mmCIF file of all heavy atoms, coordinates in Angstrom:
data_MODEL
# 
_entry.id   MODEL 
# 
loop_
_atom_site.group_PDB 
_atom_site.id 
_atom_site.type_symbol 
_atom_site.label_atom_id 
_atom_site.label_alt_id 
_atom_site.label_comp_id 
_atom_site.label_asym_id 
_atom_site.label_entity_id 
_atom_site.label_seq_id 
_atom_site.pdbx_PDB_ins_code 
_atom_site.Cartn_x 
_atom_site.Cartn_y 
_atom_site.Cartn_z 
_atom_site.occupancy 
_atom_site.B_iso_or_equiv 
_atom_site.pdbx_formal_charge 
_atom_site.auth_seq_id 
_atom_site.auth_comp_id 
_atom_site.auth_asym_id 
_atom_site.auth_atom_id 
_atom_site.pdbx_PDB_model_num 
ATOM 1   N N   . ARG A 1 1  ? -9.463  188.478 -185.434 1.00 0.00 ? 1  ARG A N   1 
ATOM 2   C CA  . ARG A 1 1  ? -8.166  187.817 -185.419 1.00 0.00 ? 1  ARG A CA  1 
ATOM 3   C C   . ARG A 1 1  ? -7.014  188.800 -185.578 1.00 0.00 ? 1  ARG A C   1 
ATOM 4   O O   . ARG A 1 1  ? -6.016  188.692 -184.862 1.00 0.00 ? 1  ARG A O   1 
ATOM 5   C CB  . ARG A 1 1  ? -8.108  186.738 -186.501 1.00 0.00 ? 1  ARG A CB  1 
ATOM 6   C CG  . ARG A 1 1  ? -6.816  185.950 -186.491 1.00 0.00 ? 1  ARG A CG  1 
ATOM 7   C CD  . ARG A 1 1  ? -6.901  184.761 -187.419 1.00 0.00 ? 1  ARG A CD  1 
ATOM 8   N NE  . ARG A 1 1  ? -7.889  183.804 -186.941 1.00 0.00 ? 1  ARG A NE  1 
ATOM 9   C CZ  . ARG A 1 1  ? -8.223  182.684 -187.598 1.00 0.00 ? 1  ARG A CZ  1 
ATOM 10  N NH1 . ARG A 1 1  ? -7.671  182.423 -188.758 1.00 0.00 ? 1  ARG A NH1 1 
ATOM 11  N NH2 . ARG A 1 1  ? -9.114  181.873 -187.100 1.00 0.00 ? 1  ARG A NH2 1 
ATOM 12  N N   . PRO A 1 2  ? -7.079  189.803 -186.511 1.00 0.00 ? 2  PRO A N   1 
ATOM 13  C CA  . PRO A 1 2  ? -5.977  190.764 -186.612 1.00 0.00 ? 2  PRO A CA  1 
ATOM 14  C C   . PRO A 1 2  ? -5.709  191.496 -185.307 1.00 0.00 ? 2  PRO A C   1 
ATOM 15  O O   . PRO A 1 2  ? -4.576  191.792 -184.964 1.00 0.00 ? 2  PRO A O   1 
ATOM 16  C CB  . PRO A 1 2  ? -6.446  191.730 -187.714 1.00 0.00 ? 2  PRO A CB  1 
ATOM 17  C CG  . PRO A 1 2  ? -7.369  190.909 -188.543 1.00 0.00 ? 2  PRO A CG  1 
ATOM 18  C CD  . PRO A 1 2  ? -8.087  190.018 -187.579 1.00 0.00 ? 2  PRO A CD  1 
ATOM 19  N N   . ILE A 1 3  ? -6.787  191.805 -184.546 1.00 0.00 ? 3  ILE A N   1 
ATOM 20  C CA  . ILE A 1 3  ? -6.609  192.484 -183.271 1.00 0.00 ? 3  ILE A CA  1 
ATOM 21  C C   . ILE A 1 3  ? -5.836  191.610 -182.306 1.00 0.00 ? 3  ILE A C   1 
ATOM 22  O O   . ILE A 1 3  ? -4.944  192.063 -181.593 1.00 0.00 ? 3  ILE A O   1 
ATOM 23  C CB  . ILE A 1 3  ? -7.977  192.881 -182.678 1.00 0.00 ? 3  ILE A CB  1 
ATOM 24  C CG1 . ILE A 1 3  ? -8.658  193.915 -183.581 1.00 0.00 ? 3  ILE A CG1 1 
ATOM 25  C CG2 . ILE A 1 3  ? -7.812  193.426 -181.265 1.00 0.00 ? 3  ILE A CG2 1 
ATOM 26  C CD1 . ILE A 1 3  ? -10.049 194.292 -183.137 1.00 0.00 ? 3  ILE A CD1 1 
ATOM 27  N N   . LEU A 1 4  ? -6.178  190.299 -182.320 1.00 0.00 ? 4  LEU A N   1 
ATOM 28  C CA  . LEU A 1 4  ? -5.475  189.363 -181.447 1.00 0.00 ? 4  LEU A CA  1 
ATOM 29  C C   . LEU A 1 4  ? -3.999  189.294 -181.815 1.00 0.00 ? 4  LEU A C   1 
ATOM 30  O O   . LEU A 1 4  ? -3.123  189.251 -180.942 1.00 0.00 ? 4  LEU A O   1 
ATOM 31  C CB  . LEU A 1 4  ? -6.106  187.979 -181.539 1.00 0.00 ? 4  LEU A CB  1 
ATOM 32  C CG  . LEU A 1 4  ? -7.499  187.840 -180.923 1.00 0.00 ? 4  LEU A CG  1 
ATOM 33  C CD1 . LEU A 1 4  ? -8.033  186.428 -181.164 1.00 0.00 ? 4  LEU A CD1 1 
ATOM 34  C CD2 . LEU A 1 4  ? -7.450  188.122 -179.421 1.00 0.00 ? 4  LEU A CD2 1 
ATOM 35  N N   . PHE A 1 5  ? -3.719  189.277 -183.130 1.00 0.00 ? 5  PHE A N   1 
ATOM 36  C CA  . PHE A 1 5  ? -2.332  189.252 -183.580 1.00 0.00 ? 5  PHE A CA  1 
ATOM 37  C C   . PHE A 1 5  ? -1.592  190.507 -183.123 1.00 0.00 ? 5  PHE A C   1 
ATOM 38  O O   . PHE A 1 5  ? -0.437  190.448 -182.711 1.00 0.00 ? 5  PHE A O   1 
ATOM 39  C CB  . PHE A 1 5  ? -2.260  189.146 -185.102 1.00 0.00 ? 5  PHE A CB  1 
ATOM 40  C CG  . PHE A 1 5  ? -2.526  187.763 -185.621 1.00 0.00 ? 5  PHE A CG  1 
ATOM 41  C CD1 . PHE A 1 5  ? -3.097  187.570 -186.867 1.00 0.00 ? 5  PHE A CD1 1 
ATOM 42  C CD2 . PHE A 1 5  ? -2.205  186.649 -184.858 1.00 0.00 ? 5  PHE A CD2 1 
ATOM 43  C CE1 . PHE A 1 5  ? -3.338  186.297 -187.354 1.00 0.00 ? 5  PHE A CE1 1 
ATOM 44  C CE2 . PHE A 1 5  ? -2.432  185.371 -185.343 1.00 0.00 ? 5  PHE A CE2 1 
ATOM 45  C CZ  . PHE A 1 5  ? -3.013  185.192 -186.588 1.00 0.00 ? 5  PHE A CZ  1 
ATOM 46  N N   . LEU A 1 6  ? -2.269  191.672 -183.194 1.00 0.00 ? 6  LEU A N   1 
ATOM 47  C CA  . LEU A 1 6  ? -1.646  192.909 -182.767 1.00 0.00 ? 6  LEU A CA  1 
ATOM 48  C C   . LEU A 1 6  ? -1.339  192.888 -181.277 1.00 0.00 ? 6  LEU A C   1 
ATOM 49  O O   . LEU A 1 6  ? -0.282  193.328 -180.822 1.00 0.00 ? 6  LEU A O   1 
ATOM 50  C CB  . LEU A 1 6  ? -2.551  194.106 -183.097 1.00 0.00 ? 6  LEU A CB  1 
ATOM 51  C CG  . LEU A 1 6  ? -2.636  194.506 -184.574 1.00 0.00 ? 6  LEU A CG  1 
ATOM 52  C CD1 . LEU A 1 6  ? -3.711  195.565 -184.768 1.00 0.00 ? 6  LEU A CD1 1 
ATOM 53  C CD2 . LEU A 1 6  ? -1.282  195.023 -185.044 1.00 0.00 ? 6  LEU A CD2 1 
ATOM 54  N N   . ILE A 1 7  ? -2.287  192.363 -180.489 1.00 0.00 ? 7  ILE A N   1 
ATOM 55  C CA  . ILE A 1 7  ? -2.076  192.269 -179.045 1.00 0.00 ? 7  ILE A CA  1 
ATOM 56  C C   . ILE A 1 7  ? -0.910  191.343 -178.740 1.00 0.00 ? 7  ILE A C   1 
ATOM 57  O O   . ILE A 1 7  ? -0.029  191.658 -177.939 1.00 0.00 ? 7  ILE A O   1 
ATOM 58  C CB  . ILE A 1 7  ? -3.356  191.776 -178.341 1.00 0.00 ? 7  ILE A CB  1 
ATOM 59  C CG1 . ILE A 1 7  ? -4.457  192.837 -178.476 1.00 0.00 ? 7  ILE A CG1 1 
ATOM 60  C CG2 . ILE A 1 7  ? -3.082  191.475 -176.872 1.00 0.00 ? 7  ILE A CG2 1 
ATOM 61  C CD1 . ILE A 1 7  ? -5.807  192.374 -177.963 1.00 0.00 ? 7  ILE A CD1 1 
ATOM 62  N N   . ALA A 1 8  ? -0.889  190.170 -179.419 1.00 0.00 ? 8  ALA A N   1 
ATOM 63  C CA  . ALA A 1 8  ? 0.206   189.217 -179.197 1.00 0.00 ? 8  ALA A CA  1 
ATOM 64  C C   . ALA A 1 8  ? 1.535   189.838 -179.585 1.00 0.00 ? 8  ALA A C   1 
ATOM 65  O O   . ALA A 1 8  ? 2.542   189.670 -178.893 1.00 0.00 ? 8  ALA A O   1 
ATOM 66  C CB  . ALA A 1 8  ? -0.050  187.944 -180.003 1.00 0.00 ? 8  ALA A CB  1 
ATOM 67  N N   . GLY A 1 9  ? 1.557   190.571 -180.708 1.00 0.00 ? 9  GLY A N   1 
ATOM 68  C CA  . GLY A 1 9  ? 2.789   191.205 -181.135 1.00 0.00 ? 9  GLY A CA  1 
ATOM 69  C C   . GLY A 1 9  ? 3.261   192.262 -180.156 1.00 0.00 ? 9  GLY A C   1 
ATOM 70  O O   . GLY A 1 9  ? 4.457   192.415 -179.906 1.00 0.00 ? 9  GLY A O   1 
ATOM 71  N N   . ALA A 1 10 ? 2.307   192.995 -179.572 1.00 0.00 ? 10 ALA A N   1 
ATOM 72  C CA  . ALA A 1 10 ? 2.667   194.020 -178.591 1.00 0.00 ? 10 ALA A CA  1 
ATOM 73  C C   . ALA A 1 10 ? 3.305   193.392 -177.367 1.00 0.00 ? 10 ALA A C   1 
ATOM 74  O O   . ALA A 1 10 ? 4.297   193.889 -176.836 1.00 0.00 ? 10 ALA A O   1 
ATOM 75  C CB  . ALA A 1 10 ? 1.423   194.820 -178.191 1.00 0.00 ? 10 ALA A CB  1 
ATOM 76  N N   . TYR A 1 11 ? 2.719   192.258 -176.902 1.00 0.00 ? 11 TYR A N   1 
ATOM 77  C CA  . TYR A 1 11 ? 3.297   191.563 -175.753 1.00 0.00 ? 11 TYR A CA  1 
ATOM 78  C C   . TYR A 1 11 ? 4.697   191.045 -176.076 1.00 0.00 ? 11 TYR A C   1 
ATOM 79  O O   . TYR A 1 11 ? 5.614   191.121 -175.261 1.00 0.00 ? 11 TYR A O   1 
ATOM 80  C CB  . TYR A 1 11 ? 2.399   190.410 -175.319 1.00 0.00 ? 11 TYR A CB  1 
ATOM 81  C CG  . TYR A 1 11 ? 1.276   190.833 -174.408 1.00 0.00 ? 11 TYR A CG  1 
ATOM 82  C CD1 . TYR A 1 11 ? -0.047  190.692 -174.805 1.00 0.00 ? 11 TYR A CD1 1 
ATOM 83  C CD2 . TYR A 1 11 ? 1.543   191.379 -173.150 1.00 0.00 ? 11 TYR A CD2 1 
ATOM 84  C CE1 . TYR A 1 11 ? -1.087  191.089 -173.976 1.00 0.00 ? 11 TYR A CE1 1 
ATOM 85  C CE2 . TYR A 1 11 ? 0.511   191.771 -172.316 1.00 0.00 ? 11 TYR A CE2 1 
ATOM 86  C CZ  . TYR A 1 11 ? -0.811  191.625 -172.727 1.00 0.00 ? 11 TYR A CZ  1 
ATOM 87  O OH  . TYR A 1 11 ? -1.824  192.012 -171.910 1.00 0.00 ? 11 TYR A OH  1 
ATOM 88  N N   . ALA A 1 12 ? 4.882   190.509 -177.292 1.00 0.00 ? 12 ALA A N   1 
ATOM 89  C CA  . ALA A 1 12 ? 6.193   189.992 -177.679 1.00 0.00 ? 12 ALA A CA  1 
ATOM 90  C C   . ALA A 1 12 ? 7.215   191.118 -177.736 1.00 0.00 ? 12 ALA A C   1 
ATOM 91  O O   . ALA A 1 12 ? 8.350   190.978 -177.266 1.00 0.00 ? 12 ALA A O   1 
ATOM 92  C CB  . ALA A 1 12 ? 6.105   189.297 -179.043 1.00 0.00 ? 12 ALA A CB  1 
ATOM 93  N N   . LEU A 1 13 ? 6.838   192.263 -178.287 1.00 0.00 ? 13 LEU A N   1 
ATOM 94  C CA  . LEU A 1 13 ? 7.739   193.401 -178.368 1.00 0.00 ? 13 LEU A CA  1 
ATOM 95  C C   . LEU A 1 13 ? 8.096   193.896 -176.975 1.00 0.00 ? 13 LEU A C   1 
ATOM 96  O O   . LEU A 1 13 ? 9.243   194.217 -176.685 1.00 0.00 ? 13 LEU A O   1 
ATOM 97  C CB  . LEU A 1 13 ? 7.092   194.529 -179.185 1.00 0.00 ? 13 LEU A CB  1 
ATOM 98  C CG  . LEU A 1 13 ? 7.913   195.830 -179.314 1.00 0.00 ? 13 LEU A CG  1 
ATOM 99  C CD1 . LEU A 1 13 ? 9.239   195.532 -179.988 1.00 0.00 ? 13 LEU A CD1 1 
ATOM 100 C CD2 . LEU A 1 13 ? 7.127   196.864 -180.088 1.00 0.00 ? 13 LEU A CD2 1 
ATOM 101 N N   . ALA A 1 14 ? 7.095   193.947 -176.077 1.00 0.00 ? 14 ALA A N   1 
ATOM 102 C CA  . ALA A 1 14 ? 7.356   194.391 -174.706 1.00 0.00 ? 14 ALA A CA  1 
ATOM 103 C C   . ALA A 1 14 ? 8.349   193.471 -174.023 1.00 0.00 ? 14 ALA A C   1 
ATOM 104 O O   . ALA A 1 14 ? 9.223   193.922 -173.278 1.00 0.00 ? 14 ALA A O   1 
ATOM 105 C CB  . ALA A 1 14 ? 6.054   194.437 -173.915 1.00 0.00 ? 14 ALA A CB  1 
ATOM 106 N N   . ALA A 1 15 ? 8.232   192.164 -174.295 1.00 0.00 ? 15 ALA A N   1 
ATOM 107 C CA  . ALA A 1 15 ? 9.156   191.204 -173.688 1.00 0.00 ? 15 ALA A CA  1 
ATOM 108 C C   . ALA A 1 15 ? 10.578  191.440 -174.181 1.00 0.00 ? 15 ALA A C   1 
ATOM 109 O O   . ALA A 1 15 ? 11.541  191.378 -173.412 1.00 0.00 ? 15 ALA A O   1 
ATOM 110 C CB  . ALA A 1 15 ? 8.717   189.778 -174.014 1.00 0.00 ? 15 ALA A CB  1 
ATOM 111 N N   . VAL A 1 16 ? 10.728  191.729 -175.479 1.00 0.00 ? 16 VAL A N   1 
ATOM 112 C CA  . VAL A 1 16 ? 12.051  191.989 -176.035 1.00 0.00 ? 16 VAL A CA  1 
ATOM 113 C C   . VAL A 1 16 ? 12.645  193.250 -175.423 1.00 0.00 ? 16 VAL A C   1 
ATOM 114 O O   . VAL A 1 16 ? 13.818  193.306 -175.054 1.00 0.00 ? 16 VAL A O   1 
ATOM 115 C CB  . VAL A 1 16 ? 11.970  192.124 -177.573 1.00 0.00 ? 16 VAL A CB  1 
ATOM 116 C CG1 . VAL A 1 16 ? 13.290  192.630 -178.131 1.00 0.00 ? 16 VAL A CG1 1 
ATOM 117 C CG2 . VAL A 1 16 ? 11.597  190.787 -178.192 1.00 0.00 ? 16 VAL A CG2 1 
ATOM 118 N N   . VAL A 1 17 ? 11.813  194.308 -175.293 1.00 0.00 ? 17 VAL A N   1 
ATOM 119 C CA  . VAL A 1 17 ? 12.297  195.562 -174.721 1.00 0.00 ? 17 VAL A CA  1 
ATOM 120 C C   . VAL A 1 17 ? 12.753  195.345 -173.289 1.00 0.00 ? 17 VAL A C   1 
ATOM 121 O O   . VAL A 1 17 ? 13.802  195.814 -172.865 1.00 0.00 ? 17 VAL A O   1 
ATOM 122 C CB  . VAL A 1 17 ? 11.200  196.644 -174.796 1.00 0.00 ? 17 VAL A CB  1 
ATOM 123 C CG1 . VAL A 1 17 ? 11.604  197.870 -173.990 1.00 0.00 ? 17 VAL A CG1 1 
ATOM 124 C CG2 . VAL A 1 17 ? 10.932  197.018 -176.246 1.00 0.00 ? 17 VAL A CG2 1 
ATOM 125 N N   . ARG A 1 18 ? 11.943  194.585 -172.494 1.00 0.00 ? 18 ARG A N   1 
ATOM 126 C CA  . ARG A 1 18 ? 12.328  194.326 -171.112 1.00 0.00 ? 18 ARG A CA  1 
ATOM 127 C C   . ARG A 1 18 ? 13.648  193.581 -171.042 1.00 0.00 ? 18 ARG A C   1 
ATOM 128 O O   . ARG A 1 18 ? 14.492  193.853 -170.204 1.00 0.00 ? 18 ARG A O   1 
ATOM 129 C CB  . ARG A 1 18 ? 11.234  193.519 -170.408 1.00 0.00 ? 18 ARG A CB  1 
ATOM 130 C CG  . ARG A 1 18 ? 10.022  194.350 -169.998 1.00 0.00 ? 18 ARG A CG  1 
ATOM 131 C CD  . ARG A 1 18 ? 9.216   193.601 -168.959 1.00 0.00 ? 18 ARG A CD  1 
ATOM 132 N NE  . ARG A 1 18 ? 8.779   192.299 -169.446 1.00 0.00 ? 18 ARG A NE  1 
ATOM 133 C CZ  . ARG A 1 18 ? 7.664   192.072 -170.114 1.00 0.00 ? 18 ARG A CZ  1 
ATOM 134 N NH1 . ARG A 1 18 ? 6.865   193.088 -170.409 1.00 0.00 ? 18 ARG A NH1 1 
ATOM 135 N NH2 . ARG A 1 18 ? 7.335   190.862 -170.515 1.00 0.00 ? 18 ARG A NH2 1 
ATOM 136 N N   . ALA A 1 19 ? 13.827  192.614 -171.963 1.00 0.00 ? 19 ALA A N   1 
ATOM 137 C CA  . ALA A 1 19 ? 15.058  191.824 -171.949 1.00 0.00 ? 19 ALA A CA  1 
ATOM 138 C C   . ALA A 1 19 ? 16.264  192.682 -172.279 1.00 0.00 ? 19 ALA A C   1 
ATOM 139 O O   . ALA A 1 19 ? 17.363  192.410 -171.828 1.00 0.00 ? 19 ALA A O   1 
ATOM 140 C CB  . ALA A 1 19 ? 14.945  190.658 -172.931 1.00 0.00 ? 19 ALA A CB  1 
ATOM 141 N N   . ALA A 1 20 ? 16.045  193.748 -173.113 1.00 0.00 ? 20 ALA A N   1 
ATOM 142 C CA  . ALA A 1 20 ? 17.166  194.569 -173.547 1.00 0.00 ? 20 ALA A CA  1 
ATOM 143 C C   . ALA A 1 20 ? 17.447  195.722 -172.594 1.00 0.00 ? 20 ALA A C   1 
ATOM 144 O O   . ALA A 1 20 ? 18.461  196.382 -172.713 1.00 0.00 ? 20 ALA A O   1 
ATOM 145 C CB  . ALA A 1 20 ? 16.891  195.115 -174.946 1.00 0.00 ? 20 ALA A CB  1 
ATOM 146 N N   . GLU A 1 21 ? 16.548  195.985 -171.661 1.00 0.00 ? 21 GLU A N   1 
ATOM 147 C CA  . GLU A 1 21 ? 16.748  197.082 -170.726 1.00 0.00 ? 21 GLU A CA  1 
ATOM 148 C C   . GLU A 1 21 ? 17.922  196.764 -169.801 1.00 0.00 ? 21 GLU A C   1 
ATOM 149 O O   . GLU A 1 21 ? 17.955  195.712 -169.171 1.00 0.00 ? 21 GLU A O   1 
ATOM 150 C CB  . GLU A 1 21 ? 15.481  197.318 -169.913 1.00 0.00 ? 21 GLU A CB  1 
ATOM 151 C CG  . GLU A 1 21 ? 14.339  197.934 -170.704 1.00 0.00 ? 21 GLU A CG  1 
ATOM 152 C CD  . GLU A 1 21 ? 13.086  198.082 -169.866 1.00 0.00 ? 21 GLU A CD  1 
ATOM 153 O OE1 . GLU A 1 21 ? 13.090  197.557 -168.724 1.00 0.00 ? 21 GLU A OE1 1 
ATOM 154 O OE2 . GLU A 1 21 ? 12.123  198.693 -170.340 1.00 0.00 ? 21 GLU A OE2 1 
ATOM 155 N N   . PRO A 1 22 ? 18.897  197.664 -169.706 1.00 0.00 ? 22 PRO A N   1 
ATOM 156 C CA  . PRO A 1 22 ? 20.040  197.404 -168.831 1.00 0.00 ? 22 PRO A CA  1 
ATOM 157 C C   . PRO A 1 22 ? 19.616  197.290 -167.374 1.00 0.00 ? 22 PRO A C   1 
ATOM 158 O O   . PRO A 1 22 ? 18.716  198.004 -166.916 1.00 0.00 ? 22 PRO A O   1 
ATOM 159 C CB  . PRO A 1 22 ? 20.932  198.631 -169.054 1.00 0.00 ? 22 PRO A CB  1 
ATOM 160 C CG  . PRO A 1 22 ? 20.488  199.213 -170.360 1.00 0.00 ? 22 PRO A CG  1 
ATOM 161 C CD  . PRO A 1 22 ? 19.028  198.926 -170.441 1.00 0.00 ? 22 PRO A CD  1 
ATOM 162 N N   . GLN A 1 23 ? 20.258  196.385 -166.678 1.00 0.00 ? 23 GLN A N   1 
ATOM 163 C CA  . GLN A 1 23 ? 20.041  196.236 -165.240 1.00 0.00 ? 23 GLN A CA  1 
ATOM 164 C C   . GLN A 1 23 ? 21.310  196.667 -164.526 1.00 0.00 ? 23 GLN A C   1 
ATOM 165 O O   . GLN A 1 23 ? 22.413  196.342 -164.961 1.00 0.00 ? 23 GLN A O   1 
ATOM 166 C CB  . GLN A 1 23 ? 19.699  194.792 -164.901 1.00 0.00 ? 23 GLN A CB  1 
ATOM 167 C CG  . GLN A 1 23 ? 18.401  194.335 -165.545 1.00 0.00 ? 23 GLN A CG  1 
ATOM 168 C CD  . GLN A 1 23 ? 18.113  192.882 -165.217 1.00 0.00 ? 23 GLN A CD  1 
ATOM 169 O OE1 . GLN A 1 23 ? 17.722  192.539 -164.114 1.00 0.00 ? 23 GLN A OE1 1 
ATOM 170 N NE2 . GLN A 1 23 ? 18.332  192.010 -166.190 1.00 0.00 ? 23 GLN A NE2 1 
ATOM 171 N N   . ARG A 1 24 ? 21.139  197.391 -163.437 1.00 0.00 ? 24 ARG A N   1 
ATOM 172 C CA  . ARG A 1 24 ? 22.282  197.949 -162.717 1.00 0.00 ? 24 ARG A CA  1 
ATOM 173 C C   . ARG A 1 24 ? 22.340  197.387 -161.301 1.00 0.00 ? 24 ARG A C   1 
ATOM 174 O O   . ARG A 1 24 ? 21.315  197.306 -160.614 1.00 0.00 ? 24 ARG A O   1 
ATOM 175 C CB  . ARG A 1 24 ? 22.195  199.471 -162.668 1.00 0.00 ? 24 ARG A CB  1 
ATOM 176 C CG  . ARG A 1 24 ? 23.412  200.160 -162.046 1.00 0.00 ? 24 ARG A CG  1 
ATOM 177 C CD  . ARG A 1 24 ? 23.249  201.663 -162.103 1.00 0.00 ? 24 ARG A CD  1 
ATOM 178 N NE  . ARG A 1 24 ? 24.445  202.369 -161.635 1.00 0.00 ? 24 ARG A NE  1 
ATOM 179 C CZ  . ARG A 1 24 ? 24.691  202.680 -160.369 1.00 0.00 ? 24 ARG A CZ  1 
ATOM 180 N NH1 . ARG A 1 24 ? 23.798  202.350 -159.425 1.00 0.00 ? 24 ARG A NH1 1 
ATOM 181 N NH2 . ARG A 1 24 ? 25.786  203.315 -160.029 1.00 0.00 ? 24 ARG A NH2 1 
ATOM 182 N N   . PHE A 1 25 ? 23.533  196.995 -160.893 1.00 0.00 ? 25 PHE A N   1 
ATOM 183 C CA  . PHE A 1 25 ? 23.768  196.521 -159.539 1.00 0.00 ? 25 PHE A CA  1 
ATOM 184 C C   . PHE A 1 25 ? 24.940  197.316 -158.966 1.00 0.00 ? 25 PHE A C   1 
ATOM 185 O O   . PHE A 1 25 ? 25.932  197.547 -159.659 1.00 0.00 ? 25 PHE A O   1 
ATOM 186 C CB  . PHE A 1 25 ? 24.107  195.024 -159.530 1.00 0.00 ? 25 PHE A CB  1 
ATOM 187 C CG  . PHE A 1 25 ? 23.121  194.185 -160.293 1.00 0.00 ? 25 PHE A CG  1 
ATOM 188 C CD1 . PHE A 1 25 ? 23.447  193.668 -161.544 1.00 0.00 ? 25 PHE A CD1 1 
ATOM 189 C CD2 . PHE A 1 25 ? 21.862  193.923 -159.781 1.00 0.00 ? 25 PHE A CD2 1 
ATOM 190 C CE1 . PHE A 1 25 ? 22.541  192.904 -162.255 1.00 0.00 ? 25 PHE A CE1 1 
ATOM 191 C CE2 . PHE A 1 25 ? 20.945  193.156 -160.486 1.00 0.00 ? 25 PHE A CE2 1 
ATOM 192 C CZ  . PHE A 1 25 ? 21.284  192.645 -161.721 1.00 0.00 ? 25 PHE A CZ  1 
ATOM 193 N N   . ALA A 1 26 ? 24.835  197.710 -157.710 1.00 0.00 ? 26 ALA A N   1 
ATOM 194 C CA  . ALA A 1 26 ? 25.892  198.513 -157.116 1.00 0.00 ? 26 ALA A CA  1 
ATOM 195 C C   . ALA A 1 26 ? 26.074  198.156 -155.645 1.00 0.00 ? 26 ALA A C   1 
ATOM 196 O O   . ALA A 1 26 ? 25.107  197.873 -154.936 1.00 0.00 ? 26 ALA A O   1 
ATOM 197 C CB  . ALA A 1 26 ? 25.577  200.000 -157.255 1.00 0.00 ? 26 ALA A CB  1 
# 
């Protein structure tokens, strides 16, 4: 179960990072 929690947390963190990554349009 702790491994599953770690995996879920990693996915959640990745989602936050993607959301915060600047997007550029030109």
